[in-house]
Amino acid sequence: MTNFKKEKLLDLYKTAYFVRRSEEEIANNYRKGNIRCPTHLSIGQELVPAIISLFKNNSDLAVSSHRSHGHYLGKGGSLPGLFDELHGLETGCSGGNGGSMHLIDTSVGFMGSTAIVANTIPVGVGLASAIKLDRLNNVVYIFLGDGATEEGVFYESIHYASLKKLPCIFIIENNNFSVYTNLKSRQNIPLSQKIKGFGIKYFLNEKNNFLDLYEKMNIALDYSRSAKEPAIIEVMTHRYLEHCGPNSDDHLNYRDKTFLNDWSNLDILENIKLELNKNYISEHTINSINEETDLIVKSTFTESEEKFLLKLKKTK
């Protein structure tokens, strides 16, 4: 098992907490009505963005789906650009035209996200093809959810990537539900069995084990970069809030209490904090990180909101 240095552990925690606080700030302010686009939040799913941030390389590219805030931030995307985009401002990362599900920051290699399920998967494969044609030493992260693995274009894409030996990593965040429908009601066999015939390296990460995911991501990246081959990493995860929106929907009972309790006990921030404590990193240090992050997130959101309200006032 990989041993993290303290600095790397702290970086992991900083990004995970940063993503969560950014999403919480959106959720806490969504009811005001100033954010006028559907918003799919990734609270609870901070593991993947935090791990990606440890492999920072702006020449590596990424595409994502409707639940993309974490991936955008983990890749290094601009926080003011995100908040301004949610407020429909011209200073937003997509010029205020895209909203929550259409993010982009090419300066850090985040090439875009779209709302249509599985829509960016072939785009990511196309980017990997271009990298191969240009004989570059970069890879493409293709982020998707478990629901996207039920679309035909997913299988067409992994087949083409395998056939043409393209440097891309399909990162599947499996939160067990497509809106309200359980995975067991939708898929007859595990994904690992379905993809065996495609000849692609497959990795599984469970229980928010960040050390395991870091190790597997490292192996997948080295393999994809050196062998110019695709890989698939399936990450079992959990969203805390409703599929779309800022609220909890546990009262609907489509996820049983045992399931919810199990994931509550596996919270990624708490997992990392336990490891920080084992490495003699004090609560004071952790609290200082939290306070600094809180201030940055809150002030950035407030500034964005004020710009929106000023614009709204001018239009009246």
Protein backbone atom coordinates (compact mmCIF):
# COMPACT_ATOMS: atom_id res chain seq x y z
CA MET A 1 0.00 0.00 0.00
CA THR A 2 1.24 3.47 -0.90
CA ASN A 3 2.54 5.58 1.96
CA PHE A 4 1.64 9.25 1.63
CA LYS A 5 4.01 11.94 2.73
CA LYS A 6 2.43 14.49 5.04
CA GLU A 7 2.52 17.19 2.37
CA LYS A 8 0.60 15.00 -0.08
CA LEU A 9 -1.95 14.06 2.56
CA LEU A 10 -2.49 17.72 3.33
CA ASP A 11 -2.88 18.54 -0.37
CA LEU A 12 -5.43 15.73 -0.70
CA TYR A 13 -7.41 17.03 2.25
CA LYS A 14 -7.24 20.64 1.05
CA THR A 15 -8.75 19.75 -2.33
CA ALA A 16 -11.42 17.45 -0.89
CA TYR A 17 -12.47 20.11 1.61
CA PHE A 18 -12.29 22.85 -1.03
CA VAL A 19 -14.60 20.91 -3.36
CA ARG A 20 -17.07 20.16 -0.57
CA ARG A 21 -17.18 23.73 0.71
CA SER A 22 -17.63 25.06 -2.83
CA GLU A 23 -20.56 22.73 -3.38
CA GLU A 24 -22.03 23.53 0.04
CA GLU A 25 -21.83 27.23 -0.72
CA ILE A 26 -23.83 26.64 -3.90
CA ALA A 27 -26.38 24.53 -2.03
CA ASN A 28 -26.74 27.06 0.79
CA ASN A 29 -27.40 29.91 -1.63
CA TYR A 30 -29.36 28.11 -4.35
CA ARG A 31 -32.74 28.86 -2.75
CA LYS A 32 -32.23 32.60 -3.26
CA GLY A 33 -33.07 32.11 -6.92
CA ASN A 34 -29.97 33.87 -8.24
CA ILE A 35 -28.58 30.64 -9.69
CA ARG A 36 -31.04 29.89 -12.45
CA CYS A 37 -29.75 26.64 -13.87
CA PRO A 38 -30.21 22.99 -12.79
CA THR A 39 -27.34 22.03 -10.51
CA HIS A 40 -26.01 18.53 -9.82
CA LEU A 41 -23.81 18.68 -6.74
CA SER A 42 -21.01 16.26 -5.87
CA ILE A 43 -21.09 16.51 -2.07
CA GLY A 44 -19.88 13.10 -0.87
CA GLN A 45 -18.04 12.39 -4.12
CA GLU A 46 -14.90 14.43 -3.43
CA LEU A 47 -12.47 11.50 -3.59
CA VAL A 48 -11.90 11.49 -7.35
CA PRO A 49 -11.33 15.27 -7.70
CA ALA A 50 -8.94 15.22 -4.73
CA ILE A 51 -6.90 12.34 -6.20
CA ILE A 52 -6.82 13.95 -9.66
CA SER A 53 -5.42 17.14 -8.12
CA LEU A 54 -2.34 15.20 -6.96
CA PHE A 55 -1.47 14.40 -10.58
CA LYS A 56 -1.65 18.01 -11.72
CA ASN A 57 -0.56 18.35 -15.33
CA ASN A 58 -2.27 21.01 -17.42
CA SER A 59 -1.27 19.17 -20.60
CA ASP A 60 -3.37 16.18 -19.57
CA LEU A 61 -6.94 16.77 -20.70
CA ALA A 62 -10.32 16.04 -19.14
CA VAL A 63 -13.99 15.90 -20.09
CA SER A 64 -16.94 15.37 -17.78
CA SER A 65 -20.69 15.05 -17.47
CA HIS A 66 -23.60 16.84 -15.76
CA ARG A 67 -22.07 16.35 -12.27
CA SER A 68 -18.79 18.05 -13.10
CA HIS A 69 -18.07 20.76 -10.50
CA GLY A 70 -15.66 18.53 -8.57
CA HIS A 71 -13.77 17.38 -11.66
CA TYR A 72 -13.47 20.96 -12.89
CA LEU A 73 -12.07 22.13 -9.54
CA GLY A 74 -9.88 19.06 -9.04
CA LYS A 75 -8.29 19.67 -12.44
CA GLY A 76 -7.54 23.23 -11.33
CA GLY A 77 -10.48 25.09 -12.86
CA SER A 78 -11.13 28.66 -11.74
CA LEU A 79 -13.49 29.00 -8.74
CA PRO A 80 -14.56 32.56 -9.72
CA GLY A 81 -15.17 31.21 -13.22
CA LEU A 82 -17.44 28.49 -11.80
CA PHE A 83 -19.46 30.78 -9.53
CA ASP A 84 -19.78 33.43 -12.24
CA GLU A 85 -20.97 30.78 -14.67
CA LEU A 86 -23.66 29.66 -12.25
CA HIS A 87 -24.80 33.29 -12.01
CA GLY A 88 -24.93 33.64 -15.80
CA LEU A 89 -22.19 36.27 -15.96
CA GLU A 90 -19.98 37.00 -18.96
CA THR A 91 -16.98 36.40 -16.69
CA GLY A 92 -18.12 32.80 -16.16
CA CYS A 93 -15.98 29.98 -17.46
CA SER A 94 -18.40 29.49 -20.38
CA GLY A 95 -19.23 33.15 -20.77
CA GLY A 96 -22.36 32.78 -18.70
CA ASN A 97 -24.02 30.76 -21.45
CA GLY A 98 -23.61 27.23 -20.14
CA GLY A 99 -24.53 27.12 -16.48
CA SER A 100 -23.70 24.33 -14.06
CA MET A 101 -23.49 21.48 -16.57
CA HIS A 102 -21.38 23.23 -19.23
CA LEU A 103 -18.01 24.08 -17.70
CA ILE A 104 -14.67 24.63 -19.39
CA ASP A 105 -11.17 25.83 -18.48
CA THR A 106 -8.71 25.00 -21.23
CA SER A 107 -5.87 26.69 -19.32
CA VAL A 108 -5.78 23.64 -17.03
CA GLY A 109 -6.82 21.06 -19.63
CA PHE A 110 -10.48 20.85 -18.63
CA MET A 111 -11.98 20.66 -22.11
CA GLY A 112 -15.65 20.71 -21.20
CA SER A 113 -18.65 19.07 -19.62
CA THR A 114 -22.13 18.60 -21.04
CA ALA A 115 -25.58 17.74 -19.77
CA ILE A 116 -26.41 14.79 -22.02
CA VAL A 117 -25.58 11.46 -20.37
CA ALA A 118 -22.49 9.87 -21.98
CA ASN A 119 -22.16 12.77 -24.44
CA THR A 120 -18.54 13.64 -23.68
CA ILE A 121 -17.25 10.06 -23.66
CA PRO A 122 -16.58 9.97 -27.44
CA VAL A 123 -15.25 13.54 -27.26
CA GLY A 124 -12.65 12.37 -24.77
CA VAL A 125 -11.74 9.45 -27.02
CA GLY A 126 -11.36 11.90 -29.90
CA LEU A 127 -9.00 14.03 -27.82
CA ALA A 128 -6.96 10.91 -27.03
CA SER A 129 -6.82 10.11 -30.73
CA ALA A 130 -5.50 13.60 -31.44
CA ILE A 131 -2.83 13.18 -28.74
CA LYS A 132 -1.71 9.93 -30.37
CA LEU A 133 -1.64 11.47 -33.85
CA ASP A 134 0.44 14.37 -32.54
CA ARG A 135 2.76 11.93 -30.75
CA LEU A 136 2.32 13.70 -27.43
CA ASN A 137 2.91 12.16 -24.03
CA ASN A 138 -0.39 13.17 -22.46
CA VAL A 139 -3.54 11.37 -21.37
CA VAL A 140 -7.25 12.18 -21.26
CA TYR A 141 -9.44 11.72 -18.19
CA ILE A 142 -12.99 10.79 -19.19
CA PHE A 143 -15.29 11.21 -16.20
CA LEU A 144 -18.68 9.50 -16.21
CA GLY A 145 -21.27 8.00 -13.89
CA ASP A 146 -22.67 4.48 -13.67
CA GLY A 147 -25.75 5.54 -15.65
CA ALA A 148 -23.56 6.41 -18.64
CA THR A 149 -22.31 2.82 -18.81
CA GLU A 150 -25.82 1.88 -19.97
CA GLU A 151 -25.47 3.97 -23.14
CA GLY A 152 -24.29 2.36 -26.35
CA VAL A 153 -21.72 5.07 -26.99
CA PHE A 154 -19.82 3.98 -23.87
CA TYR A 155 -19.16 0.53 -25.35
CA GLU A 156 -18.43 1.95 -28.80
CA SER A 157 -15.92 4.31 -27.20
CA ILE A 158 -14.06 1.76 -25.07
CA HIS A 159 -13.96 -0.56 -28.07
CA TYR A 160 -12.48 2.14 -30.31
CA ALA A 161 -10.02 3.26 -27.62
CA SER A 162 -8.85 -0.33 -27.16
CA LEU A 163 -8.68 -1.04 -30.88
CA LYS A 164 -6.70 2.12 -31.67
CA LYS A 165 -4.62 2.00 -28.46
CA LEU A 166 -5.50 5.47 -27.23
CA PRO A 167 -4.11 7.14 -24.07
CA CYS A 168 -7.26 7.73 -22.03
CA ILE A 169 -8.60 6.74 -18.63
CA PHE A 170 -12.33 6.20 -18.18
CA ILE A 171 -13.12 7.12 -14.56
CA ILE A 172 -16.55 5.82 -13.58
CA GLU A 173 -18.01 7.22 -10.38
CA ASN A 174 -20.58 4.61 -9.40
CA ASN A 175 -22.93 6.03 -6.76
CA ASN A 176 -25.35 3.09 -7.17
CA PHE A 177 -28.28 5.18 -8.36
CA SER A 178 -29.45 6.68 -11.61
CA VAL A 179 -31.68 9.39 -10.10
CA TYR A 180 -33.91 7.08 -7.95
CA THR A 181 -33.23 3.73 -9.62
CA ASN A 182 -30.90 1.25 -7.91
CA LEU A 183 -28.04 -0.29 -9.87
CA LYS A 184 -29.41 -3.80 -9.26
CA SER A 185 -32.65 -2.85 -11.02
CA ARG A 186 -30.75 -1.63 -14.08
CA GLN A 187 -27.77 -3.92 -14.62
CA ASN A 188 -27.79 -7.72 -14.55
CA ILE A 189 -24.03 -8.27 -14.06
CA PRO A 190 -21.16 -6.14 -12.73
CA LEU A 191 -19.46 -3.73 -15.13
CA SER A 192 -16.18 -5.61 -14.69
CA GLN A 193 -17.71 -8.64 -16.39
CA LYS A 194 -19.15 -6.60 -19.25
CA ILE A 195 -15.86 -5.04 -20.23
CA LYS A 196 -13.71 -8.19 -20.12
CA GLY A 197 -14.07 -8.74 -23.85
CA PHE A 198 -12.68 -5.31 -24.71
CA GLY A 199 -9.16 -6.05 -23.49
CA ILE A 200 -8.90 -2.94 -21.31
CA LYS A 201 -7.14 -2.77 -17.96
CA TYR A 202 -9.78 -2.46 -15.23
CA PHE A 203 -9.39 -1.24 -11.65
CA LEU A 204 -11.96 -1.11 -8.86
CA ASN A 205 -11.86 1.23 -5.87
CA GLU A 206 -14.21 0.79 -2.91
CA LYS A 207 -15.09 2.29 0.49
CA ASN A 208 -13.46 5.71 -0.18
CA ASN A 209 -10.03 4.14 0.17
CA PHE A 210 -7.91 7.06 -1.02
CA LEU A 211 -4.59 5.25 -0.65
CA ASP A 212 -5.84 2.47 -2.91
CA LEU A 213 -7.21 4.89 -5.50
CA TYR A 214 -3.99 6.91 -5.56
CA GLU A 215 -2.01 3.74 -6.19
CA LYS A 216 -4.34 2.53 -8.94
CA MET A 217 -4.49 5.96 -10.57
CA ASN A 218 -0.71 6.06 -10.58
CA ILE A 219 -0.52 2.64 -12.26
CA ALA A 220 -3.23 3.55 -14.79
CA LEU A 221 -1.57 6.84 -15.69
CA ASP A 222 1.87 5.29 -16.14
CA TYR A 223 0.38 2.51 -18.25
CA SER A 224 -1.75 4.80 -20.42
CA ARG A 225 1.06 7.30 -20.88
CA SER A 226 3.79 4.78 -21.70
CA ALA A 227 1.85 2.05 -23.52
CA LYS A 228 -0.61 4.49 -25.18
CA GLU A 229 -3.47 2.25 -24.02
CA PRO A 230 -6.80 2.97 -22.32
CA ALA A 231 -7.71 1.97 -18.79
CA ILE A 232 -10.93 1.95 -16.76
CA ILE A 233 -11.18 2.84 -13.07
CA GLU A 234 -14.52 2.23 -11.38
CA VAL A 235 -14.87 4.14 -8.12
CA MET A 236 -17.72 3.21 -5.80
CA THR A 237 -18.98 6.43 -4.28
CA HIS A 238 -22.01 8.16 -2.76
CA ARG A 239 -23.82 11.46 -3.29
CA TYR A 240 -25.26 12.98 -0.13
CA LEU A 241 -27.93 15.15 -1.75
CA GLU A 242 -30.66 14.69 -4.33
CA HIS A 243 -29.79 13.86 -7.93
CA CYS A 244 -30.38 17.45 -9.02
CA GLY A 245 -30.69 20.31 -6.58
CA PRO A 246 -29.49 21.52 -3.16
CA ASN A 247 -31.66 19.39 -0.88
CA SER A 248 -31.49 16.07 0.92
CA ASP A 249 -34.04 13.56 -0.39
CA ASP A 250 -33.47 10.71 2.04
CA HIS A 251 -37.09 11.03 3.19
CA LEU A 252 -38.11 9.47 -0.14
CA ASN A 253 -36.62 6.16 1.09
CA TYR A 254 -35.24 5.00 -2.25
CA ARG A 255 -31.93 4.45 -0.43
CA ASP A 256 -32.28 2.32 2.68
CA LYS A 257 -30.93 3.40 6.05
CA THR A 258 -28.22 0.73 6.18
CA PHE A 259 -26.84 1.94 2.84
CA LEU A 260 -26.88 5.57 4.01
CA ASN A 261 -25.29 4.75 7.36
CA ASP A 262 -22.55 2.67 5.75
CA TRP A 263 -21.57 5.56 3.49
CA SER A 264 -21.86 8.10 6.29
CA ASN A 265 -19.24 6.08 8.16
CA LEU A 266 -16.98 6.20 5.10
CA ASP A 267 -17.04 9.98 4.62
CA ILE A 268 -13.94 10.91 2.61
CA LEU A 269 -13.06 13.99 4.67
CA GLU A 270 -13.22 12.00 7.89
CA ASN A 271 -11.15 9.21 6.31
CA ILE A 272 -8.40 11.64 5.36
CA LYS A 273 -8.53 13.37 8.75
CA LEU A 274 -7.96 10.03 10.48
CA GLU A 275 -4.84 9.53 8.39
CA LEU A 276 -3.72 13.09 9.12
CA ASN A 277 -4.06 12.41 12.83
CA LYS A 278 -2.03 9.21 12.47
CA ASN A 279 0.70 11.33 10.90
CA TYR A 280 0.67 13.72 13.89
CA ILE A 281 -0.96 16.58 12.00
CA SER A 282 -2.79 18.59 14.63
CA GLU A 283 -6.44 19.58 14.76
CA HIS A 284 -5.21 23.18 14.82
CA THR A 285 -3.57 22.70 11.41
CA ILE A 286 -6.69 21.08 10.00
CA ASN A 287 -8.93 23.81 11.42
CA SER A 288 -6.66 26.48 9.93
CA ILE A 289 -7.02 24.86 6.50
CA ASN A 290 -10.79 24.77 6.94
CA GLU A 291 -11.02 28.40 8.03
CA GLU A 292 -8.83 29.65 5.18
CA THR A 293 -10.82 27.64 2.65
CA ASP A 294 -14.15 28.81 4.12
CA LEU A 295 -13.05 32.41 3.73
CA ILE A 296 -11.91 31.97 0.12
CA VAL A 297 -15.06 30.13 -0.95
CA LYS A 298 -17.48 32.47 0.82
CA SER A 299 -15.81 35.69 -0.36
CA THR A 300 -15.57 34.39 -3.95
CA PHE A 301 -19.24 33.43 -3.97
CA THR A 302 -20.30 36.75 -2.40
CA GLU A 303 -18.35 38.70 -5.01
CA SER A 304 -19.97 36.70 -7.80
CA GLU A 305 -23.44 37.15 -6.31
CA GLU A 306 -22.92 40.90 -5.97
CA LYS A 307 -21.94 41.14 -9.64
CA PHE A 308 -25.10 39.24 -10.56
CA LEU A 309 -27.32 41.51 -8.45
CA LEU A 310 -25.70 44.62 -9.94
CA LYS A 311 -26.32 43.27 -13.43
CA LEU A 312 -29.91 42.43 -12.53
CA LYS A 313 -30.45 45.96 -11.17
CA LYS A 314 -29.13 47.51 -14.38
CA THR A 315 -31.54 45.48 -16.50
CA LYS A 316 -34.61 46.65 -14.60
